[in-house]
Amino acid sequence: MCEIYAGQNPERYRPINRSVRIGGHSTSIQLEAAFWVLIDEIAEKQGFSTARFLSTLYDEALELNGSISNFSSLLRTSCLIYLMNGDKAQSQTFRVAAE
């Protein structure tokens, strides 16, 4: 019944830490490998480096919501939105905060 999920390559859910600079502070983000693949893809389609995409997403979410309680969860759900929206997500661009 769950073979498609249970039989996946363990490398897909291996946790990976990446060090990034967000809001002027160095931090480490841990996500499963499959999420990093998607985040790299989203960033590339937006014309950003992954670091720039993460920083922009953080800044915009902070501006819209006032706080971010769990940035890793925000990233995972952003990947889900990207997958669920398909071509619609690819045609939208993120607003880049003033540099």
Foldseek 3Di string as FASTA:
>chain_A
DCCVPVVDDVLQQDWDWDWAAAPNDIDIDIGGNVLVVLLCVLQVLQVHGSRQVLNQVLVVCCVVPVDDPDSNVVSVVVSVVCVVCDPVSSVDHGDGPDD
